[in-house]
Each structure stands twice: as C-alpha cells, then as structure tokens.
PDB file of N, CA and C in Angstrom:
ATOM      1  N   MET A   1     116.912 126.900 107.796  1.00  0.00           N
ATOM      2  CA  MET A   1     116.748 125.630 107.155  1.00  0.00           C
ATOM      3  C   MET A   1     117.789 124.876 107.942  1.00  0.00           C
ATOM      4  N   SER A   2     117.277 124.068 108.730  1.00  0.00           N
ATOM      5  CA  SER A   2     118.604 123.133 109.166  1.00  0.00           C
ATOM      6  C   SER A   2     118.007 121.231 108.887  1.00  0.00           C
ATOM      7  N   VAL A   3     118.557 120.622 107.798  1.00  0.00           N
ATOM      8  CA  VAL A   3     117.489 119.735 107.412  1.00  0.00           C
ATOM      9  C   VAL A   3     119.404 118.966 107.568  1.00  0.00           C
ATOM     10  N   ARG A   4     119.057 117.674 108.312  1.00  0.00           N
ATOM     11  CA  ARG A   4     120.080 116.525 108.609  1.00  0.00           C
ATOM     12  C   ARG A   4     119.389 114.900 108.167  1.00  0.00           C
ATOM     13  N   LEU A   5     120.308 114.309 107.817  1.00  0.00           N
ATOM     14  CA  LEU A   5     120.044 112.927 107.660  1.00  0.00           C
ATOM     15  C   LEU A   5     119.015 112.340 108.489  1.00  0.00           C
ATOM     16  N   ASN A   6     118.132 111.223 107.940  1.00  0.00           N
ATOM     17  CA  ASN A   6     117.354 110.814 108.648  1.00  0.00           C
ATOM     18  C   ASN A   6     117.856 109.067 108.748  1.00  0.00           C
ATOM     19  N   LYS A   7     118.790 108.811 110.149  1.00  0.00           N
ATOM     20  CA  LYS A   7     119.451 107.653 109.961  1.00  0.00           C
ATOM     21  C   LYS A   7     118.399 106.463 109.686  1.00  0.00           C
ATOM     22  N   GLU A   8     117.541 106.267 109.873  1.00  0.00           N
ATOM     23  CA  GLU A   8     116.359 105.300 110.262  1.00  0.00           C
ATOM     24  C   GLU A   8     115.239 105.602 108.993  1.00  0.00           C
ATOM     25  N   ALA A   9     114.916 105.967 108.718  1.00  0.00           N
ATOM     26  CA  ALA A   9     115.183 106.184 107.045  1.00  0.00           C
ATOM     27  C   ALA A   9     116.369 105.447 105.945  1.00  0.00           C
ATOM     28  N   LEU A  10     117.114 105.925 106.023  1.00  0.00           N
ATOM     29  CA  LEU A  10     118.365 105.199 105.727  1.00  0.00           C
ATOM     30  C   LEU A  10     118.542 103.773 105.765  1.00  0.00           C
ATOM     31  N   GLU A  11     118.198 103.482 106.803  1.00  0.00           N
ATOM     32  CA  GLU A  11     118.837 101.991 107.054  1.00  0.00           C
ATOM     33  C   GLU A  11     117.337 101.118 106.973  1.00  0.00           C
ATOM     34  N   LEU A  12     115.889 102.175 106.286  1.00  0.00           N
ATOM     35  CA  LEU A  12     114.687 101.003 106.130  1.00  0.00           C
ATOM     36  C   LEU A  12     115.145 101.375 104.512  1.00  0.00           C
ATOM     37  N   ALA A  13     115.695 101.607 103.615  1.00  0.00           N
ATOM     38  CA  ALA A  13     115.955 102.640 102.321  1.00  0.00           C
ATOM     39  C   ALA A  13     116.646 101.302 101.656  1.00  0.00           C
ATOM     40  N   ARG A  14     117.863 100.819 102.900  1.00  0.00           N
ATOM     41  CA  ARG A  14     119.048  99.660 102.372  1.00  0.00           C
ATOM     42  C   ARG A  14     118.248  98.473 102.774  1.00  0.00           C
ATOM     43  N   ARG A  15     117.579  97.993 103.859  1.00  0.00           N
ATOM     44  CA  ARG A  15     117.041  97.018 103.647  1.00  0.00           C
ATOM     45  C   ARG A  15     115.600  96.633 102.825  1.00  0.00           C
ATOM     46  N   LEU A  16     115.089  97.778 101.903  1.00  0.00           N
ATOM     47  CA  LEU A  16     114.323  97.519 101.257  1.00  0.00           C
ATOM     48  C   LEU A  16     115.099  96.890 100.007  1.00  0.00           C
ATOM     49  N   ILE A  17     115.808  97.793  99.512  1.00  0.00           N
ATOM     50  CA  ILE A  17     116.704  97.679  98.510  1.00  0.00           C
ATOM     51  C   ILE A  17     117.524  95.899  98.702  1.00  0.00           C
ATOM     52  N   ARG A  18     118.144  95.773  99.484  1.00  0.00           N
ATOM     53  CA  ARG A  18     118.533  94.278  99.857  1.00  0.00           C
ATOM     54  C   ARG A  18     117.904  93.329  99.459  1.00  0.00           C
ATOM     55  N   ASP A  19     116.146  93.741 100.522  1.00  0.00           N
ATOM     56  CA  ASP A  19     115.007  92.339  99.940  1.00  0.00           C
ATOM     57  C   ASP A  19     114.401  92.677  98.552  1.00  0.00           C
ATOM     58  N   GLY A  20     114.694  93.281  98.029  1.00  0.00           N
ATOM     59  CA  GLY A  20     114.541  93.727  96.534  1.00  0.00           C
ATOM     60  C   GLY A  20     112.927  94.117  96.072  1.00  0.00           C
ATOM     61  N   ASN A  21     113.542  95.158  97.049  1.00  0.00           N
ATOM     62  CA  ASN A  21     111.881  95.749  97.074  1.00  0.00           C
ATOM     63  C   ASN A  21     112.031  97.787  96.619  1.00  0.00           C
ATOM     64  N   VAL A  22     112.549  97.239  94.984  1.00  0.00           N
ATOM     65  CA  VAL A  22     112.974  98.042  93.838  1.00  0.00           C
ATOM     66  C   VAL A  22     112.208  98.550  93.078  1.00  0.00           C
ATOM     67  N   VAL A  23     112.393  99.510  92.521  1.00  0.00           N
ATOM     68  CA  VAL A  23     111.224  99.961  91.295  1.00  0.00           C
ATOM     69  C   VAL A  23     112.378 100.619  90.350  1.00  0.00           C
ATOM     70  N   ARG A  24     112.966  99.690  89.515  1.00  0.00           N
ATOM     71  CA  ARG A  24     114.589 100.187  88.488  1.00  0.00           C
ATOM     72  C   ARG A  24     113.507 101.112  87.783  1.00  0.00           C
ATOM     73  N   ASP A  25     113.184 102.634  87.631  1.00  0.00           N
ATOM     74  CA  ASP A  25     112.683 103.461  86.698  1.00  0.00           C
ATOM     75  C   ASP A  25     113.715 104.300  86.491  1.00  0.00           C
ATOM     76  N   GLU A  26     113.063 105.064  85.695  1.00  0.00           N
ATOM     77  CA  GLU A  26     113.738 106.205  85.107  1.00  0.00           C
ATOM     78  C   GLU A  26     114.370 107.315  85.462  1.00  0.00           C
ATOM     79  N   ARG A  27     115.076 108.663  85.646  1.00  0.00           N
ATOM     80  CA  ARG A  27     114.685 110.006  86.453  1.00  0.00           C
ATOM     81  C   ARG A  27     113.476 110.639  86.708  1.00  0.00           C
ATOM     82  N   ASP A  28     113.350 110.608  85.153  1.00  0.00           N
ATOM     83  CA  ASP A  28     112.080 111.898  85.050  1.00  0.00           C
ATOM     84  C   ASP A  28     110.639 110.780  85.667  1.00  0.00           C
ATOM     85  N   ASP A  29     111.225 109.731  86.200  1.00  0.00           N
ATOM     86  CA  ASP A  29     109.923 108.780  86.709  1.00  0.00           C
ATOM     87  C   ASP A  29     109.058 109.714  87.658  1.00  0.00           C
ATOM     88  N   TRP A  30     109.751 110.010  88.705  1.00  0.00           N
ATOM     89  CA  TRP A  30     109.306 110.575  90.133  1.00  0.00           C
ATOM     90  C   TRP A  30     108.701 111.363  89.755  1.00  0.00           C
ATOM     91  N   SER A  31     107.756 111.936  89.008  1.00  0.00           N
ATOM     92  CA  SER A  31     106.217 113.217  89.085  1.00  0.00           C
ATOM     93  C   SER A  31     105.307 112.056  88.943  1.00  0.00           C
ATOM     94  N   GLU A  32     105.412 111.318  88.449  1.00  0.00           N
ATOM     95  CA  GLU A  32     104.013 110.863  87.714  1.00  0.00           C
ATOM     96  C   GLU A  32     104.120 109.442  89.530  1.00  0.00           C
ATOM     97  N   HIS A  33     105.288 108.892  89.508  1.00  0.00           N
ATOM     98  CA  HIS A  33     105.505 107.642  90.512  1.00  0.00           C
ATOM     99  C   HIS A  33     105.169 108.311  91.539  1.00  0.00           C
ATOM    100  N   ALA A  34     105.448 109.390  92.459  1.00  0.00           N
ATOM    101  CA  ALA A  34     105.326 109.663  93.649  1.00  0.00           C
ATOM    102  C   ALA A  34     104.187 109.874  93.878  1.00  0.00           C
ATOM    103  N   PRO A  35     104.162 109.676  95.522  1.00  0.00           N
ATOM    104  CA  PRO A  35     102.941 109.377  95.989  1.00  0.00           C
ATOM    105  C   PRO A  35     102.184 110.487  96.086  1.00  0.00           C
ATOM    106  N   SER A  36     101.046 110.250  95.688  1.00  0.00           N
ATOM    107  CA  SER A  36     100.129 112.065  95.677  1.00  0.00           C
ATOM    108  C   SER A  36     100.071 111.948  97.273  1.00  0.00           C
ATOM    109  N   THR A  37      99.219 113.608  97.435  1.00  0.00           N
ATOM    110  CA  THR A  37      98.580 114.243  98.803  1.00  0.00           C
ATOM    111  C   THR A  37      97.948 113.264  99.656  1.00  0.00           C
ATOM    112  N   ASP A  38      96.621 112.448  98.648  1.00  0.00           N
ATOM    113  CA  ASP A  38      95.856 111.801  99.050  1.00  0.00           C
ATOM    114  C   ASP A  38      96.690 110.216  99.435  1.00  0.00           C
ATOM    115  N   ASP A  39      97.524 110.110  98.922  1.00  0.00           N
ATOM    116  CA  ASP A  39      98.154 108.501  99.368  1.00  0.00           C
ATOM    117  C   ASP A  39      98.973 108.753 100.659  1.00  0.00           C
ATOM    118  N   GLU A  40      99.580 110.132 100.874  1.00  0.00           N
ATOM    119  CA  GLU A  40     100.370 110.670 101.886  1.00  0.00           C
ATOM    120  C   GLU A  40      99.562 110.547 103.552  1.00  0.00           C
ATOM    121  N   ASN A  41      98.326 111.325 103.041  1.00  0.00           N
ATOM    122  CA  ASN A  41      97.523 111.663 104.140  1.00  0.00           C
ATOM    123  C   ASN A  41      96.692 109.880 104.549  1.00  0.00           C
ATOM    124  N   ALA A  42      96.484 109.339 103.521  1.00  0.00           N
ATOM    125  CA  ALA A  42      96.357 108.358 104.036  1.00  0.00           C
ATOM    126  C   ALA A  42      97.379 107.204 104.410  1.00  0.00           C
ATOM    127  N   PHE A  43      98.306 107.107 104.509  1.00  0.00           N
ATOM    128  CA  PHE A  43      99.278 106.242 104.859  1.00  0.00           C
ATOM    129  C   PHE A  43      99.901 107.319 106.313  1.00  0.00           C
ATOM    130  N   ILE A  44      99.623 108.334 106.650  1.00  0.00           N
ATOM    131  CA  ILE A  44      99.731 108.765 108.290  1.00  0.00           C
ATOM    132  C   ILE A  44      98.569 108.123 108.890  1.00  0.00           C
ATOM    133  N   ASP A  45      97.337 108.726 107.827  1.00  0.00           N
ATOM    134  CA  ASP A  45      96.512 107.756 108.850  1.00  0.00           C
ATOM    135  C   ASP A  45      96.055 106.489 109.824  1.00  0.00           C
ATOM    136  N   GLU A  46      97.196 105.744 108.546  1.00  0.00           N
ATOM    137  CA  GLU A  46      97.280 104.634 109.143  1.00  0.00           C
ATOM    138  C   GLU A  46      98.333 104.115 109.364  1.00  0.00           C
ATOM    139  N   HIS A  47      99.162 104.714 109.510  1.00  0.00           N
ATOM    140  CA  HIS A  47     100.782 104.192 110.122  1.00  0.00           C
ATOM    141  C   HIS A  47     101.303 105.272 110.836  1.00  0.00           C
ATOM    142  N   GLY A  48     101.065 106.463 110.412  1.00  0.00           N
ATOM    143  CA  GLY A  48     100.899 107.606 112.266  1.00  0.00           C
ATOM    144  C   GLY A  48     102.816 108.485 110.904  1.00  0.00           C
ATOM    145  N   MET A  49     102.573 109.221 111.865  1.00  0.00           N
ATOM    146  CA  MET A  49     103.651 110.637 111.151  1.00  0.00           C
ATOM    147  C   MET A  49     105.605 109.912 111.752  1.00  0.00           C
ATOM    148  N   ASP A  50     105.652 108.909 112.205  1.00  0.00           N
ATOM    149  CA  ASP A  50     107.049 108.008 112.406  1.00  0.00           C
ATOM    150  C   ASP A  50     107.209 107.489 111.423  1.00  0.00           C
ATOM    151  N   GLU A  51     106.458 106.582 111.190  1.00  0.00           N
ATOM    152  CA  GLU A  51     106.517 106.032 109.873  1.00  0.00           C
ATOM    153  C   GLU A  51     106.610 106.742 108.753  1.00  0.00           C
ATOM    154  N   PHE A  52     105.462 107.337 108.269  1.00  0.00           N
ATOM    155  CA  PHE A  52     106.040 108.454 107.501  1.00  0.00           C
ATOM    156  C   PHE A  52     107.313 109.466 107.573  1.00  0.00           C
ATOM    157  N   ALA A  53     108.003 109.443 108.337  1.00  0.00           N
ATOM    158  CA  ALA A  53     109.223 110.270 108.500  1.00  0.00           C
ATOM    159  C   ALA A  53     110.046 109.259 107.795  1.00  0.00           C
ATOM    160  N   LYS A  54     110.157 107.683 108.049  1.00  0.00           N
ATOM    161  CA  LYS A  54     110.774 106.649 107.451  1.00  0.00           C
ATOM    162  C   LYS A  54     111.130 106.792 106.103  1.00  0.00           C
ATOM    163  N   TRP A  55     110.294 107.179 105.395  1.00  0.00           N
ATOM    164  CA  TRP A  55     110.070 107.518 103.818  1.00  0.00           C
ATOM    165  C   TRP A  55     110.276 108.683 103.331  1.00  0.00           C
ATOM    166  N   HIS A  56     111.669 109.637 103.894  1.00  0.00           N
ATOM    167  CA  HIS A  56     112.398 110.425 103.872  1.00  0.00           C
ATOM    168  C   HIS A  56     113.471 110.564 104.329  1.00  0.00           C
ATOM    169  N   LEU A  57     114.822 111.074 103.545  1.00  0.00           N
ATOM    170  CA  LEU A  57     116.048 110.530 103.678  1.00  0.00           C
ATOM    171  C   LEU A  57     116.321 112.114 104.816  1.00  0.00           C
ATOM    172  N   GLY A  58     115.972 112.961 104.907  1.00  0.00           N
ATOM    173  CA  GLY A  58     116.170 114.425 105.590  1.00  0.00           C
ATOM    174  C   GLY A  58     114.433 114.846 106.581  1.00  0.00           C
ATOM    175  N   GLU A  59     115.248 115.464 107.447  1.00  0.00           N
ATOM    176  CA  GLU A  59     114.589 115.764 108.592  1.00  0.00           C
ATOM    177  C   GLU A  59     115.357 117.612 108.414  1.00  0.00           C
ATOM    178  N   ASP A  60     113.524 118.218 108.325  1.00  0.00           N
ATOM    179  CA  ASP A  60     114.369 119.940 108.416  1.00  0.00           C
ATOM    180  C   ASP A  60     113.762 120.628 110.277  1.00  0.00           C
ATOM    181  N   THR A  61     114.648 119.859 110.996  1.00  0.00           N
ATOM    182  CA  THR A  61     114.781 120.724 111.972  1.00  0.00           C
ATOM    183  C   THR A  61     113.782 121.862 112.429  1.00  0.00           C
ATOM    184  N   ALA A  62     114.207 123.139 111.288  1.00  0.00           N
ATOM    185  CA  ALA A  62     113.220 124.187 111.589  1.00  0.00           C
ATOM    186  C   ALA A  62     111.760 123.888 111.767  1.00  0.00           C
ATOM    187  N   GLU A  63     111.268 123.207 110.847  1.00  0.00           N
ATOM    188  CA  GLU A  63     109.510 122.536 111.169  1.00  0.00           C
ATOM    189  C   GLU A  63     108.916 121.570 111.981  1.00  0.00           C
ATOM    190  N   THR A  64     108.026 122.242 112.094  1.00  0.00           N
ATOM    191  CA  THR A  64     107.334 121.777 113.568  1.00  0.00           C
ATOM    192  C   THR A  64     107.752 119.902 113.437  1.00  0.00           C
ATOM    193  N   ALA A  65     107.902 119.289 114.919  1.00  0.00           N
ATOM    194  CA  ALA A  65     107.912 117.880 114.758  1.00  0.00           C
ATOM    195  C   ALA A  65     106.731 117.717 114.958  1.00  0.00           C
ATOM    196  N   GLY A  66     106.457 116.286 113.721  1.00  0.00           N
ATOM    197  CA  GLY A  66     105.121 115.385 113.442  1.00  0.00           C
ATOM    198  C   GLY A  66     104.076 116.105 113.105  1.00  0.00           C
ATOM    199  N   THR A  67     104.947 117.008 111.408  1.00  0.00           N
ATOM    200  CA  THR A  67     104.371 117.845 110.376  1.00  0.00           C
ATOM    201  C   THR A  67     104.914 117.338 109.312  1.00  0.00           C
ATOM    202  N   LYS A  68     104.407 116.904 108.399  1.00  0.00           N
ATOM    203  CA  LYS A  68     104.958 116.868 106.302  1.00  0.00           C
ATOM    204  C   LYS A  68     105.717 117.728 106.350  1.00  0.00           C
ATOM    205  N   GLY A  69     105.852 118.555 106.718  1.00  0.00           N
ATOM    206  CA  GLY A  69     107.250 119.900 106.213  1.00  0.00           C
ATOM    207  C   GLY A  69     108.490 119.506 106.447  1.00  0.00           C
ATOM    208  N   ARG A  70     108.160 118.044 107.521  1.00  0.00           N
ATOM    209  CA  ARG A  70     109.954 118.348 108.548  1.00  0.00           C
ATOM    210  C   ARG A  70     110.524 117.094 107.504  1.00  0.00           C
ATOM    211  N   CYS A  71     109.736 116.486 107.025  1.00  0.00           N
ATOM    212  CA  CYS A  71     109.872 115.391 106.030  1.00  0.00           C
ATOM    213  C   CYS A  71     110.158 115.954 104.631  1.00  0.00           C
ATOM    214  N   LYS A  72     111.759 115.459 104.463  1.00  0.00           N
ATOM    215  CA  LYS A  72     112.191 115.647 103.094  1.00  0.00           C
ATOM    216  C   LYS A  72     113.408 114.771 102.317  1.00  0.00           C
ATOM    217  N   PHE A  73     112.694 114.777 101.243  1.00  0.00           N
ATOM    218  CA  PHE A  73     113.893 113.655 100.350  1.00  0.00           C
ATOM    219  C   PHE A  73     113.302 112.433 100.319  1.00  0.00           C
ATOM    220  N   PRO A  74     112.191 112.495  99.982  1.00  0.00           N
ATOM    221  CA  PRO A  74     111.111 110.606  99.501  1.00  0.00           C
ATOM    222  C   PRO A  74     112.347 110.267  98.402  1.00  0.00           C
ATOM    223  N   TYR A  75     112.046 108.703  99.043  1.00  0.00           N
ATOM    224  CA  TYR A  75     113.136 108.211  97.912  1.00  0.00           C
ATOM    225  C   TYR A  75     111.853 106.673  98.090  1.00  0.00           C
ATOM    226  N   GLY A  76     110.634 106.606  98.010  1.00  0.00           N
ATOM    227  CA  GLY A  76     109.641 105.466  97.994  1.00  0.00           C
ATOM    228  C   GLY A  76     108.339 106.131  97.891  1.00  0.00           C
ATOM    229  N   ASP A  77     107.826 104.693  98.020  1.00  0.00           N
ATOM    230  CA  ASP A  77     106.055 104.946  97.603  1.00  0.00           C
ATOM    231  C   ASP A  77     105.756 104.269  98.592  1.00  0.00           C
ATOM    232  N   PHE A  78     106.063 104.179  99.869  1.00  0.00           N
ATOM    233  CA  PHE A  78     105.752 103.507 101.120  1.00  0.00           C
ATOM    234  C   PHE A  78     105.225 101.830 100.860  1.00  0.00           C
ATOM    235  N   ARG A  79     106.232 101.696  99.751  1.00  0.00           N
ATOM    236  CA  ARG A  79     106.308 100.112  99.701  1.00  0.00           C
ATOM    237  C   ARG A  79     107.612  99.774  98.692  1.00  0.00           C
ATOM    238  N   ARG A  80     107.642 100.012  98.082  1.00  0.00           N
ATOM    239  CA  ARG A  80     109.103  99.937  97.316  1.00  0.00           C
ATOM    240  C   ARG A  80     109.726 101.393  97.453  1.00  0.00           C
ATOM    241  N   VAL A  81     111.492 100.977  97.055  1.00  0.00           N
ATOM    242  CA  VAL A  81     112.530 102.009  97.250  1.00  0.00           C
ATOM    243  C   VAL A  81     112.164 102.442  95.413  1.00  0.00           C
ATOM    244  N   HIS A  82     112.450 103.813  95.047  1.00  0.00           N
ATOM    245  CA  HIS A  82     111.848 104.251  93.763  1.00  0.00           C
ATOM    246  C   HIS A  82     113.746 105.123  93.222  1.00  0.00           C
ATOM    247  N   ARG A  83     113.988 104.111  92.242  1.00  0.00           N
ATOM    248  CA  ARG A  83     115.461 104.617  91.612  1.00  0.00           C
ATOM    249  C   ARG A  83     115.117 106.370  91.173  1.00  0.00           C
ATOM    250  N   CYS A  84     114.079 106.389  90.538  1.00  0.00           N
ATOM    251  CA  CYS A  84     113.602 108.097  89.822  1.00  0.00           C
ATOM    252  C   CYS A  84     113.435 108.954  91.431  1.00  0.00           C
ATOM    253  N   ALA A  85     113.172 108.393  92.407  1.00  0.00           N
ATOM    254  CA  ALA A  85     112.989 109.246  92.961  1.00  0.00           C
ATOM    255  C   ALA A  85     114.706 109.614  93.810  1.00  0.00           C
ATOM    256  N   VAL A  86     115.313 108.219  94.070  1.00  0.00           N
ATOM    257  CA  VAL A  86     116.971 108.075  94.535  1.00  0.00           C
ATOM    258  C   VAL A  86     117.253 109.135  93.362  1.00  0.00           C
ATOM    259  N   ILE A  87     117.370 109.135  92.218  1.00  0.00           N
ATOM    260  CA  ILE A  87     118.065 110.856  91.795  1.00  0.00           C
ATOM    261  C   ILE A  87     118.037 111.992  92.141  1.00  0.00           C
ATOM    262  N   SER A  88     116.276 112.004  91.858  1.00  0.00           N
ATOM    263  CA  SER A  88     115.948 113.031  91.659  1.00  0.00           C
ATOM    264  C   SER A  88     116.238 113.719  93.333  1.00  0.00           C
ATOM    265  N   GLY A  89     116.327 113.075  94.404  1.00  0.00           N
ATOM    266  CA  GLY A  89     116.786 113.461  95.737  1.00  0.00           C
ATOM    267  C   GLY A  89     117.763 113.695  95.470  1.00  0.00           C
ATOM    268  N   GLU A  90     119.046 113.011  95.201  1.00  0.00           N
ATOM    269  CA  GLU A  90     120.316 113.161  94.681  1.00  0.00           C
ATOM    270  C   GLU A  90     120.508 115.014  93.926  1.00  0.00           C
ATOM    271  N   SER A  91     120.198 114.616  93.373  1.00  0.00           N
ATOM    272  CA  SER A  91     120.284 116.469  92.224  1.00  0.00           C
ATOM    273  C   SER A  91     120.274 117.238  93.251  1.00  0.00           C
ATOM    274  N   ARG A  92     118.788 117.108  93.976  1.00  0.00           N
ATOM    275  CA  ARG A  92     118.160 118.003  94.565  1.00  0.00           C
ATOM    276  C   ARG A  92     119.541 118.413  95.868  1.00  0.00           C
ATOM    277  N   ALA A  93     119.613 117.795  96.531  1.00  0.00           N
ATOM    278  CA  ALA A  93     120.484 117.543  97.613  1.00  0.00           C
ATOM    279  C   ALA A  93     121.538 118.238  97.904  1.00  0.00           C
ATOM    280  N   GLY A  94     122.161 117.579  96.814  1.00  0.00           N
ATOM    281  CA  GLY A  94     123.755 118.606  96.158  1.00  0.00           C
ATOM    282  C   GLY A  94     123.294 120.128  95.816  1.00  0.00           C
ATOM    283  N   GLN A  95     122.098 120.282  95.120  1.00  0.00           N
ATOM    284  CA  GLN A  95     121.971 121.588  94.527  1.00  0.00           C
ATOM    285  C   GLN A  95     121.466 122.190  96.059  1.00  0.00           C
ATOM    286  N   TYR A  96     121.349 121.936  96.793  1.00  0.00           N
ATOM    287  CA  TYR A  96     121.134 123.009  98.227  1.00  0.00           C
ATOM    288  C   TYR A  96     122.039 122.627  99.229  1.00  0.00           C
ATOM    289  N   ASP A  97     123.128 121.629  98.913  1.00  0.00           N
ATOM    290  CA  ASP A  97     124.658 121.554 100.070  1.00  0.00           C
ATOM    291  C   ASP A  97     123.832 120.698 100.847  1.00  0.00           C
ATOM    292  N   HIS A  98     123.622 119.825 101.068  1.00  0.00           N
ATOM    293  CA  HIS A  98     123.170 118.877 101.640  1.00  0.00           C
ATOM    294  C   HIS A  98     124.152 117.661 101.802  1.00  0.00           C
ATOM    295  N   ALA A  99     125.376 117.320 101.863  1.00  0.00           N
ATOM    296  CA  ALA A  99     125.794 116.989 101.274  1.00  0.00           C
ATOM    297  C   ALA A  99     125.962 115.314 102.417  1.00  0.00           C
ATOM    298  N   SER A 100     125.055 115.129 103.477  1.00  0.00           N
ATOM    299  CA  SER A 100     125.170 113.879 103.818  1.00  0.00           C
ATOM    300  C   SER A 100     124.074 113.225 103.622  1.00  0.00           C
ATOM    301  N   ILE A 101     123.110 114.115 102.540  1.00  0.00           N
ATOM    302  CA  ILE A 101     122.118 113.208 102.166  1.00  0.00           C
ATOM    303  C   ILE A 101     122.757 113.002 100.584  1.00  0.00           C
ATOM    304  N   GLU A 102     123.115 113.945  99.992  1.00  0.00           N
ATOM    305  CA  GLU A 102     123.417 113.666  98.904  1.00  0.00           C
ATOM    306  C   GLU A 102     124.338 112.368  98.804  1.00  0.00           C
ATOM    307  N   LYS A 103     125.106 112.350  99.960  1.00  0.00           N
ATOM    308  CA  LYS A 103     125.717 111.028  99.313  1.00  0.00           C
ATOM    309  C   LYS A 103     125.058 109.515 100.029  1.00  0.00           C
ATOM    310  N   ALA A 104     124.512 109.458 101.053  1.00  0.00           N
ATOM    311  CA  ALA A 104     123.408 108.745 101.148  1.00  0.00           C
ATOM    312  C   ALA A 104     122.938 108.854 100.443  1.00  0.00           C
ATOM    313  N   LEU A 105     122.158 109.810  99.164  1.00  0.00           N
ATOM    314  CA  LEU A 105     121.197 109.325  98.348  1.00  0.00           C
ATOM    315  C   LEU A 105     122.001 108.196  96.814  1.00  0.00           C
ATOM    316  N   ARG A 106     123.586 108.984  96.960  1.00  0.00           N
ATOM    317  CA  ARG A 106     124.793 107.998  95.854  1.00  0.00           C
ATOM    318  C   ARG A 106     124.785 106.846  95.951  1.00  0.00           C
ATOM    319  N   ASP A 107     124.876 107.004  97.636  1.00  0.00           N
ATOM    320  CA  ASP A 107     125.203 105.080  97.472  1.00  0.00           C
ATOM    321  C   ASP A 107     123.943 104.271  97.263  1.00  0.00           C
ATOM    322  N   LEU A 108     122.689 104.795  98.270  1.00  0.00           N
ATOM    323  CA  LEU A 108     121.656 104.007  98.005  1.00  0.00           C
ATOM    324  C   LEU A 108     121.526 103.785  96.422  1.00  0.00           C
ATOM    325  N   LEU A 109     121.714 104.829  95.045  1.00  0.00           N
ATOM    326  CA  LEU A 109     121.433 104.408  94.334  1.00  0.00           C
ATOM    327  C   LEU A 109     122.365 103.259  93.484  1.00  0.00           C
ATOM    328  N   ALA A 110     123.789 103.612  93.390  1.00  0.00           N
ATOM    329  CA  ALA A 110     125.050 102.597  93.524  1.00  0.00           C
ATOM    330  C   ALA A 110     124.633 101.047  94.206  1.00  0.00           C
ATOM    331  N   GLU A 111     124.224 101.171  95.243  1.00  0.00           N
ATOM    332  CA  GLU A 111     123.160 100.124  95.982  1.00  0.00           C
ATOM    333  C   GLU A 111     121.739  99.116  94.706  1.00  0.00           C
ATOM    334  N   ILE A 112     121.735 100.078  94.349  1.00  0.00           N
ATOM    335  CA  ILE A 112     119.767  99.960  93.185  1.00  0.00           C
ATOM    336  C   ILE A 112     120.958  99.293  91.935  1.00  0.00           C
ATOM    337  N   ASP A 113     121.693 100.418  91.548  1.00  0.00           N
ATOM    338  CA  ASP A 113     122.600  99.568  89.904  1.00  0.00           C
ATOM    339  C   ASP A 113     123.016  98.365  90.279  1.00  0.00           C
ATOM    340  N   GLU A 114     123.909  98.035  91.519  1.00  0.00           N
ATOM    341  CA  GLU A 114     124.665  96.777  91.719  1.00  0.00           C
ATOM    342  C   GLU A 114     123.567  95.996  91.557  1.00  0.00           C
ATOM    343  N   GLY A 115     122.855  96.017  92.489  1.00  0.00           N
ATOM    344  CA  GLY A 115     121.956  94.943  92.032  1.00  0.00           C
ATOM    345  C   GLY A 115     121.379  94.964  90.712  1.00  0.00           C
ATOM    346  N   ARG A 116     121.488  95.311  89.444  1.00  0.00           N
ATOM    347  CA  ARG A 116     120.568  95.341  88.402  1.00  0.00           C
ATOM    348  C   ARG A 116     121.304  93.467  87.833  1.00  0.00           C
ATOM    349  N   SER A 117     120.685  92.991  87.509  1.00  0.00           N
ATOM    350  CA  SER A 117     120.771  91.713  86.646  1.00  0.00           C
ATOM    351  C   SER A 117     120.958  91.919  84.930  1.00  0.00           C
TER     352      SER A 117
END
C-alpha cells in the first residue's frame, strides 16, 4: 500500500479551521460523528469523487482512481473539520508509518487547539 498526502485536502482543512468550521470534540467521538456510508454516497452523488477526496488527507495510489478505496484518513463531515477525526487519523497514520500524513494531522490538531478560546 502506497499512501501519500493529499495536499488539496490539507489546504481545505486549513481553510476550514481558519474560517472556524471546526467541531472541537473529543478523541472517541469520531465513531459517532463520522459520516455514514449513505452520507458518503449522497455527498459523492451531489459533489463527485474529486470533492469527496478533498475530505481525506491520504490517497492510496495502489487503489483504483475515482474510488472510495483510494481515500484514506478522513478529517471531517463534509462541512466541518472534527477534532476527533484529526486525533484518530494522527494515531492511525503513526501506527502505519505514514509520516507525512501524521505530521499534517498533528499540525492541524495544533491549529485547532490554538484556536480555542
């Protein structure tokens, strides 16, 4: 498996955080906050795979282009960045030795936490 950082997704995440489109939830909340398969499919039907991919910081180049299987490390719900998704993704990226994705997620978490009042 060859997973690389999706730079377009990283830029979108940073912009969303700058604009305040963030849910400051806790680590274990992602299992409840993650979009369902139906939500994902509805988003793809409305916006297409390219937009869906922008909500994932990793791209598995071993998977077929234009498929959901190519998209790894989701960070939000198609409207906002979720702190819990960023934390979960950082942990998984470290576990599977995806250093560039782990660093990007760590940086996003810092941006989220710096924005707390």
